[in-house]
PDB file of N, CA and C in Angstrom:
ATOM      1  N   MET A   1       7.843  90.572 -30.415  1.00  0.00           N
ATOM      2  CA  MET A   1       7.311  89.505 -29.612  1.00  0.00           C
ATOM      3  C   MET A   1       7.989  88.198 -30.027  1.00  0.00           C
ATOM      4  N   ARG A   2       8.315  87.381 -29.053  1.00  0.00           N
ATOM      5  CA  ARG A   2       9.044  86.149 -29.295  1.00  0.00           C
ATOM      6  C   ARG A   2       8.098  84.957 -29.279  1.00  0.00           C
ATOM      7  N   LYS A   3       8.256  84.064 -30.278  1.00  0.00           N
ATOM      8  CA  LYS A   3       7.434  82.861 -30.320  1.00  0.00           C
ATOM      9  C   LYS A   3       7.980  81.834 -29.352  1.00  0.00           C
ATOM     10  N   THR A   4       7.105  81.177 -28.631  1.00  0.00           N
ATOM     11  CA  THR A   4       7.542  80.095 -27.755  1.00  0.00           C
ATOM     12  C   THR A   4       6.932  78.795 -28.240  1.00  0.00           C
ATOM     13  N   THR A   5       7.679  77.772 -28.083  1.00  0.00           N
ATOM     14  CA  THR A   5       7.157  76.456 -28.465  1.00  0.00           C
ATOM     15  C   THR A   5       6.921  75.650 -27.206  1.00  0.00           C
ATOM     16  N   ARG A   6       5.902  74.873 -27.253  1.00  0.00           N
ATOM     17  CA  ARG A   6       5.551  74.068 -26.095  1.00  0.00           C
ATOM     18  C   ARG A   6       5.602  72.603 -26.490  1.00  0.00           C
ATOM     19  N   LYS A   7       6.275  71.798 -25.708  1.00  0.00           N
ATOM     20  CA  LYS A   7       6.321  70.362 -25.966  1.00  0.00           C
ATOM     21  C   LYS A   7       5.067  69.724 -25.387  1.00  0.00           C
ATOM     22  N   THR A   8       4.445  68.855 -26.185  1.00  0.00           N
ATOM     23  CA  THR A   8       3.195  68.247 -25.725  1.00  0.00           C
ATOM     24  C   THR A   8       3.359  66.788 -25.360  1.00  0.00           C
ATOM     25  N   SER A   9       4.568  66.278 -25.411  1.00  0.00           N
ATOM     26  CA  SER A   9       4.876  64.882 -25.060  1.00  0.00           C
ATOM     27  C   SER A   9       3.981  63.881 -25.788  1.00  0.00           C
ATOM     28  N   GLY A  10       3.744  64.110 -27.078  1.00  0.00           N
ATOM     29  CA  GLY A  10       2.999  63.148 -27.880  1.00  0.00           C
ATOM     30  C   GLY A  10       1.507  63.138 -27.675  1.00  0.00           C
ATOM     31  N   ARG A  11       0.953  64.160 -27.081  1.00  0.00           N
ATOM     32  CA  ARG A  11      -0.494  64.201 -26.868  1.00  0.00           C
ATOM     33  C   ARG A  11      -1.097  65.356 -27.647  1.00  0.00           C
ATOM     34  N   SER A  12      -2.337  65.151 -28.086  1.00  0.00           N
ATOM     35  CA  SER A  12      -3.026  66.215 -28.804  1.00  0.00           C
ATOM     36  C   SER A  12      -3.631  67.188 -27.802  1.00  0.00           C
ATOM     37  N   SER A  13      -4.294  68.206 -28.313  1.00  0.00           N
ATOM     38  CA  SER A  13      -4.847  69.233 -27.425  1.00  0.00           C
ATOM     39  C   SER A  13      -5.947  68.701 -26.517  1.00  0.00           C
ATOM     40  N   ASN A  14      -6.601  67.592 -26.922  1.00  0.00           N
ATOM     41  CA  ASN A  14      -7.649  67.041 -26.058  1.00  0.00           C
ATOM     42  C   ASN A  14      -7.125  65.927 -25.149  1.00  0.00           C
ATOM     43  N   GLY A  15      -5.811  65.716 -25.152  1.00  0.00           N
ATOM     44  CA  GLY A  15      -5.211  64.760 -24.230  1.00  0.00           C
ATOM     45  C   GLY A  15      -5.017  63.363 -24.768  1.00  0.00           C
ATOM     46  N   THR A  16      -5.517  63.077 -25.977  1.00  0.00           N
ATOM     47  CA  THR A  16      -5.333  61.741 -26.530  1.00  0.00           C
ATOM     48  C   THR A  16      -3.960  61.636 -27.175  1.00  0.00           C
ATOM     49  N   ARG A  17      -3.481  60.416 -27.281  1.00  0.00           N
ATOM     50  CA  ARG A  17      -2.169  60.200 -27.882  1.00  0.00           C
ATOM     51  C   ARG A  17      -2.223  60.404 -29.385  1.00  0.00           C
ATOM     52  N   ARG A  18      -1.171  60.975 -29.894  1.00  0.00           N
ATOM     53  CA  ARG A  18      -1.019  61.144 -31.332  1.00  0.00           C
ATOM     54  C   ARG A  18      -0.036  60.109 -31.833  1.00  0.00           C
ATOM     55  N   PRO A  19      -0.252  59.552 -33.027  1.00  0.00           N
ATOM     56  CA  PRO A  19       0.762  58.644 -33.574  1.00  0.00           C
ATOM     57  C   PRO A  19       2.034  59.432 -33.876  1.00  0.00           C
ATOM     58  N   ARG A  20       3.147  58.801 -33.634  1.00  0.00           N
ATOM     59  CA  ARG A  20       4.409  59.463 -33.916  1.00  0.00           C
ATOM     60  C   ARG A  20       4.580  59.640 -35.406  1.00  0.00           C
ATOM     61  N   GLN A  21       5.037  60.793 -35.777  1.00  0.00           N
ATOM     62  CA  GLN A  21       5.282  61.041 -37.185  1.00  0.00           C
ATOM     63  C   GLN A  21       6.644  60.488 -37.535  1.00  0.00           C
ATOM     64  N   GLY A  22       6.780  60.042 -38.777  1.00  0.00           N
ATOM     65  CA  GLY A  22       8.044  59.506 -39.211  1.00  0.00           C
ATOM     66  C   GLY A  22       8.080  57.984 -39.180  1.00  0.00           C
ATOM     67  N   LYS A  23       7.240  57.369 -38.362  1.00  0.00           N
ATOM     68  CA  LYS A  23       7.175  55.915 -38.319  1.00  0.00           C
ATOM     69  C   LYS A  23       5.891  55.476 -39.018  1.00  0.00           C
ATOM     70  N   THR A  24       6.022  54.557 -39.942  1.00  0.00           N
ATOM     71  CA  THR A  24       4.830  54.040 -40.598  1.00  0.00           C
ATOM     72  C   THR A  24       4.386  52.786 -39.860  1.00  0.00           C
ATOM     73  N   LEU A  25       3.105  52.615 -39.722  1.00  0.00           N
ATOM     74  CA  LEU A  25       2.569  51.443 -39.060  1.00  0.00           C
ATOM     75  C   LEU A  25       2.684  50.241 -39.977  1.00  0.00           C
ATOM     76  N   ARG A  26       3.020  49.098 -39.386  1.00  0.00           N
ATOM     77  CA  ARG A  26       3.151  47.871 -40.167  1.00  0.00           C
ATOM     78  C   ARG A  26       1.757  47.359 -40.508  1.00  0.00           C
ATOM     79  N   LYS A  27       1.538  47.094 -41.776  1.00  0.00           N
ATOM     80  CA  LYS A  27       0.234  46.607 -42.217  1.00  0.00           C
ATOM     81  C   LYS A  27       0.330  45.121 -42.530  1.00  0.00           C
ATOM     82  N   PHE A  28      -0.672  44.376 -42.122  1.00  0.00           N
ATOM     83  CA  PHE A  28      -0.716  42.953 -42.382  1.00  0.00           C
ATOM     84  C   PHE A  28      -1.725  42.687 -43.492  1.00  0.00           C
ATOM     85  N   ASP A  29      -1.372  41.815 -44.391  1.00  0.00           N
ATOM     86  CA  ASP A  29      -2.295  41.438 -45.442  1.00  0.00           C
ATOM     87  C   ASP A  29      -3.005  40.172 -44.987  1.00  0.00           C
ATOM     88  N   LEU A  30      -4.205  40.321 -44.442  1.00  0.00           N
ATOM     89  CA  LEU A  30      -4.937  39.193 -43.879  1.00  0.00           C
ATOM     90  C   LEU A  30      -5.351  38.173 -44.927  1.00  0.00           C
ATOM     91  N   VAL A  31      -5.502  38.607 -46.162  1.00  0.00           N
ATOM     92  CA  VAL A  31      -5.883  37.671 -47.217  1.00  0.00           C
ATOM     93  C   VAL A  31      -4.767  36.654 -47.423  1.00  0.00           C
ATOM     94  N   GLU A  32      -3.521  37.112 -47.427  1.00  0.00           N
ATOM     95  CA  GLU A  32      -2.395  36.204 -47.604  1.00  0.00           C
ATOM     96  C   GLU A  32      -2.224  35.292 -46.400  1.00  0.00           C
ATOM     97  N   GLN A  33      -2.622  35.732 -45.224  1.00  0.00           N
ATOM     98  CA  GLN A  33      -2.426  34.958 -44.007  1.00  0.00           C
ATOM     99  C   GLN A  33      -3.672  34.186 -43.585  1.00  0.00           C
ATOM    100  N   ALA A  34      -4.705  34.180 -44.403  1.00  0.00           N
ATOM    101  CA  ALA A  34      -5.982  33.556 -44.032  1.00  0.00           C
ATOM    102  C   ALA A  34      -5.833  32.078 -43.726  1.00  0.00           C
ATOM    103  N   ASN A  35      -5.083  31.340 -44.524  1.00  0.00           N
ATOM    104  CA  ASN A  35      -4.924  29.898 -44.285  1.00  0.00           C
ATOM    105  C   ASN A  35      -4.215  29.627 -42.974  1.00  0.00           C
ATOM    106  N   GLU A  36      -3.177  30.386 -42.686  1.00  0.00           N
ATOM    107  CA  GLU A  36      -2.451  30.209 -41.435  1.00  0.00           C
ATOM    108  C   GLU A  36      -3.330  30.560 -40.234  1.00  0.00           C
ATOM    109  N   ILE A  37      -4.091  31.632 -40.351  1.00  0.00           N
ATOM    110  CA  ILE A  37      -4.996  32.046 -39.269  1.00  0.00           C
ATOM    111  C   ILE A  37      -6.052  30.977 -39.023  1.00  0.00           C
ATOM    112  N   GLU A  38      -6.638  30.447 -40.101  1.00  0.00           N
ATOM    113  CA  GLU A  38      -7.660  29.405 -39.964  1.00  0.00           C
ATOM    114  C   GLU A  38      -7.080  28.162 -39.296  1.00  0.00           C
ATOM    115  N   HIS A  39      -5.867  27.770 -39.702  1.00  0.00           N
ATOM    116  CA  HIS A  39      -5.218  26.598 -39.109  1.00  0.00           C
ATOM    117  C   HIS A  39      -4.988  26.799 -37.607  1.00  0.00           C
ATOM    118  N   LEU A  40      -4.514  27.974 -37.230  1.00  0.00           N
ATOM    119  CA  LEU A  40      -4.261  28.255 -35.815  1.00  0.00           C
ATOM    120  C   LEU A  40      -5.548  28.248 -34.998  1.00  0.00           C
ATOM    121  N   LEU A  41      -6.626  28.795 -35.563  1.00  0.00           N
ATOM    122  CA  LEU A  41      -7.908  28.798 -34.859  1.00  0.00           C
ATOM    123  C   LEU A  41      -8.451  27.378 -34.686  1.00  0.00           C
ATOM    124  N   GLN A  42      -8.329  26.547 -35.737  1.00  0.00           N
ATOM    125  CA  GLN A  42      -8.793  25.164 -35.633  1.00  0.00           C
ATOM    126  C   GLN A  42      -7.999  24.395 -34.586  1.00  0.00           C
ATOM    127  N   ARG A  43      -6.695  24.657 -34.550  1.00  0.00           N
ATOM    128  CA  ARG A  43      -5.834  24.006 -33.560  1.00  0.00           C
ATOM    129  C   ARG A  43      -6.227  24.416 -32.140  1.00  0.00           C
ATOM    130  N   ALA A  44      -6.544  25.687 -31.955  1.00  0.00           N
ATOM    131  CA  ALA A  44      -6.942  26.179 -30.640  1.00  0.00           C
ATOM    132  C   ALA A  44      -8.271  25.553 -30.200  1.00  0.00           C
ATOM    133  N   VAL A  45      -9.203  25.428 -31.129  1.00  0.00           N
ATOM    134  CA  VAL A  45     -10.503  24.821 -30.807  1.00  0.00           C
ATOM    135  C   VAL A  45     -10.315  23.359 -30.415  1.00  0.00           C
ATOM    136  N   LYS A  46      -9.497  22.615 -31.169  1.00  0.00           N
ATOM    137  CA  LYS A  46      -9.239  21.206 -30.840  1.00  0.00           C
ATOM    138  C   LYS A  46      -8.616  21.082 -29.456  1.00  0.00           C
ATOM    139  N   HIS A  47      -7.695  21.981 -29.154  1.00  0.00           N
ATOM    140  CA  HIS A  47      -7.035  21.956 -27.847  1.00  0.00           C
ATOM    141  C   HIS A  47      -8.046  22.179 -26.724  1.00  0.00           C
ATOM    142  N   GLU A  48      -8.890  23.176 -26.872  1.00  0.00           N
ATOM    143  CA  GLU A  48      -9.885  23.474 -25.841  1.00  0.00           C
ATOM    144  C   GLU A  48     -10.922  22.369 -25.711  1.00  0.00           C
ATOM    145  N   LEU A  49     -11.342  21.789 -26.839  1.00  0.00           N
ATOM    146  CA  LEU A  49     -12.293  20.679 -26.777  1.00  0.00           C
ATOM    147  C   LEU A  49     -11.692  19.484 -26.048  1.00  0.00           C
ATOM    148  N   SER A  50     -10.412  19.207 -26.311  1.00  0.00           N
ATOM    149  CA  SER A  50      -9.769  18.070 -25.640  1.00  0.00           C
ATOM    150  C   SER A  50      -9.682  18.314 -24.124  1.00  0.00           C
ATOM    151  N   ILE A  51      -9.442  19.555 -23.722  1.00  0.00           N
ATOM    152  CA  ILE A  51      -9.392  19.876 -22.291  1.00  0.00           C
ATOM    153  C   ILE A  51     -10.770  19.660 -21.659  1.00  0.00           C
ATOM    154  N   HIS A  52     -11.829  20.150 -22.308  1.00  0.00           N
ATOM    155  CA  HIS A  52     -13.187  19.983 -21.781  1.00  0.00           C
ATOM    156  C   HIS A  52     -13.534  18.508 -21.667  1.00  0.00           C
ATOM    157  N   LYS A  53     -13.210  17.742 -22.706  1.00  0.00           N
ATOM    158  CA  LYS A  53     -13.536  16.318 -22.706  1.00  0.00           C
ATOM    159  C   LYS A  53     -12.775  15.598 -21.596  1.00  0.00           C
ATOM    160  N   ARG A  54     -11.491  15.892 -21.455  1.00  0.00           N
ATOM    161  CA  ARG A  54     -10.652  15.239 -20.447  1.00  0.00           C
ATOM    162  C   ARG A  54     -11.121  15.565 -19.025  1.00  0.00           C
ATOM    163  N   LEU A  55     -11.564  16.802 -18.796  1.00  0.00           N
ATOM    164  CA  LEU A  55     -12.013  17.205 -17.463  1.00  0.00           C
ATOM    165  C   LEU A  55     -13.474  16.851 -17.188  1.00  0.00           C
ATOM    166  N   GLY A  56     -14.187  16.398 -18.229  1.00  0.00           N
ATOM    167  CA  GLY A  56     -15.588  16.033 -18.041  1.00  0.00           C
ATOM    168  C   GLY A  56     -16.539  17.207 -18.055  1.00  0.00           C
ATOM    169  N   ASN A  57     -16.146  18.283 -18.717  1.00  0.00           N
ATOM    170  CA  ASN A  57     -17.003  19.470 -18.786  1.00  0.00           C
ATOM    171  C   ASN A  57     -17.738  19.523 -20.126  1.00  0.00           C
ATOM    172  N   PRO A  58     -19.021  19.876 -20.120  1.00  0.00           N
ATOM    173  CA  PRO A  58     -19.747  20.023 -21.378  1.00  0.00           C
ATOM    174  C   PRO A  58     -19.355  21.313 -22.087  1.00  0.00           C
ATOM    175  N   VAL A  59     -19.690  21.394 -23.367  1.00  0.00           N
ATOM    176  CA  VAL A  59     -19.444  22.618 -24.142  1.00  0.00           C
ATOM    177  C   VAL A  59     -20.745  23.032 -24.821  1.00  0.00           C
ATOM    178  N   ALA A  60     -20.841  24.307 -25.124  1.00  0.00           N
ATOM    179  CA  ALA A  60     -21.990  24.813 -25.872  1.00  0.00           C
ATOM    180  C   ALA A  60     -21.639  24.775 -27.349  1.00  0.00           C
ATOM    181  N   GLY A  61     -22.611  24.437 -28.181  1.00  0.00           N
ATOM    182  CA  GLY A  61     -22.389  24.382 -29.623  1.00  0.00           C
ATOM    183  C   GLY A  61     -23.681  24.596 -30.374  1.00  0.00           C
ATOM    184  N   TRP A  62     -23.584  24.547 -31.706  1.00  0.00           N
ATOM    185  CA  TRP A  62     -24.751  24.723 -32.571  1.00  0.00           C
ATOM    186  C   TRP A  62     -25.142  23.395 -33.181  1.00  0.00           C
ATOM    187  N   ARG A  63     -26.438  23.095 -33.142  1.00  0.00           N
ATOM    188  CA  ARG A  63     -26.991  21.945 -33.868  1.00  0.00           C
ATOM    189  C   ARG A  63     -28.340  22.352 -34.420  1.00  0.00           C
ATOM    190  N   ASP A  64     -28.496  22.187 -35.708  1.00  0.00           N
ATOM    191  CA  ASP A  64     -29.751  22.521 -36.388  1.00  0.00           C
ATOM    192  C   ASP A  64     -30.192  23.954 -36.111  1.00  0.00           C
ATOM    193  N   GLY A  65     -29.238  24.872 -36.070  1.00  0.00           N
ATOM    194  CA  GLY A  65     -29.536  26.283 -35.893  1.00  0.00           C
ATOM    195  C   GLY A  65     -29.889  26.700 -34.479  1.00  0.00           C
ATOM    196  N   LYS A  66     -29.672  25.814 -33.515  1.00  0.00           N
ATOM    197  CA  LYS A  66     -29.981  26.125 -32.122  1.00  0.00           C
ATOM    198  C   LYS A  66     -28.756  25.875 -31.254  1.00  0.00           C
ATOM    199  N   VAL A  67     -28.663  26.621 -30.165  1.00  0.00           N
ATOM    200  CA  VAL A  67     -27.583  26.420 -29.212  1.00  0.00           C
ATOM    201  C   VAL A  67     -27.933  25.220 -28.345  1.00  0.00           C
ATOM    202  N   VAL A  68     -26.987  24.284 -28.221  1.00  0.00           N
ATOM    203  CA  VAL A  68     -27.189  23.095 -27.392  1.00  0.00           C
ATOM    204  C   VAL A  68     -25.973  22.893 -26.500  1.00  0.00           C
ATOM    205  N   ILE A  69     -26.169  22.183 -25.406  1.00  0.00           N
ATOM    206  CA  ILE A  69     -25.069  21.804 -24.528  1.00  0.00           C
ATOM    207  C   ILE A  69     -24.662  20.388 -24.912  1.00  0.00           C
ATOM    208  N   ILE A  70     -23.379  20.226 -25.241  1.00  0.00           N
ATOM    209  CA  ILE A  70     -22.866  18.920 -25.669  1.00  0.00           C
ATOM    210  C   ILE A  70     -22.138  18.289 -24.480  1.00  0.00           C
ATOM    211  N   PRO A  71     -22.612  17.127 -24.029  1.00  0.00           N
ATOM    212  CA  PRO A  71     -21.950  16.465 -22.903  1.00  0.00           C
ATOM    213  C   PRO A  71     -20.553  15.989 -23.298  1.00  0.00           C
ATOM    214  N   PRO A  72     -19.662  15.820 -22.334  1.00  0.00           N
ATOM    215  CA  PRO A  72     -18.278  15.457 -22.659  1.00  0.00           C
ATOM    216  C   PRO A  72     -18.136  14.150 -23.435  1.00  0.00           C
ATOM    217  N   ASP A  73     -19.013  13.182 -23.182  1.00  0.00           N
ATOM    218  CA  ASP A  73     -18.891  11.919 -23.916  1.00  0.00           C
ATOM    219  C   ASP A  73     -19.307  12.027 -25.377  1.00  0.00           C
ATOM    220  N   GLU A  74     -19.978  13.108 -25.760  1.00  0.00           N
ATOM    221  CA  GLU A  74     -20.374  13.333 -27.160  1.00  0.00           C
ATOM    222  C   GLU A  74     -19.433  14.291 -27.900  1.00  0.00           C
ATOM    223  N   ILE A  75     -18.438  14.834 -27.224  1.00  0.00           N
ATOM    224  CA  ILE A  75     -17.488  15.735 -27.869  1.00  0.00           C
ATOM    225  C   ILE A  75     -16.595  14.921 -28.789  1.00  0.00           C
ATOM    226  N   THR A  76     -16.589  15.301 -30.073  1.00  0.00           N
ATOM    227  CA  THR A  76     -15.728  14.602 -31.035  1.00  0.00           C
ATOM    228  C   THR A  76     -14.652  15.575 -31.510  1.00  0.00           C
ATOM    229  N   ILE A  77     -13.435  15.054 -31.567  1.00  0.00           N
ATOM    230  CA  ILE A  77     -12.303  15.848 -32.001  1.00  0.00           C
ATOM    231  C   ILE A  77     -11.722  15.164 -33.227  1.00  0.00           C
ATOM    232  N   SER A  78     -11.745  15.881 -34.358  1.00  0.00           N
ATOM    233  CA  SER A  78     -11.259  15.281 -35.601  1.00  0.00           C
ATOM    234  C   SER A  78      -9.737  15.156 -35.557  1.00  0.00           C
ATOM    235  N   ALA A  79      -9.200  14.146 -36.226  1.00  0.00           N
ATOM    236  CA  ALA A  79      -7.770  13.915 -36.245  1.00  0.00           C
ATOM    237  C   ALA A  79      -7.101  14.582 -37.434  1.00  0.00           C
ATOM    238  N   GLU A  80      -7.857  15.355 -38.222  1.00  0.00           N
ATOM    239  CA  GLU A  80      -7.307  16.025 -39.396  1.00  0.00           C
ATOM    240  C   GLU A  80      -6.353  17.127 -38.992  1.00  0.00           C
ATOM    241  N   GLY A  81      -5.381  17.410 -39.871  1.00  0.00           N
ATOM    242  CA  GLY A  81      -4.495  18.541 -39.693  1.00  0.00           C
ATOM    243  C   GLY A  81      -3.583  18.376 -38.537  1.00  0.00           C
TER     244      GLY A  81
END
């Protein structure tokens, strides 16, 4: 009896994709990148706040442990960083 091989085109028996063997996934060390990530997030928040303020749209935020709506004239954007 002869063995036959079947190509599965990278899918497992249940149809889900299998990771390719031979290639290792690139791992990121988030601890080393924490400062850069925090800086980028702060920059994004400042950008969005400035857009809301310029267009006259309120934003939702936290004050004293409660969700509040902050009117555009009360939106403050720090000049740090």
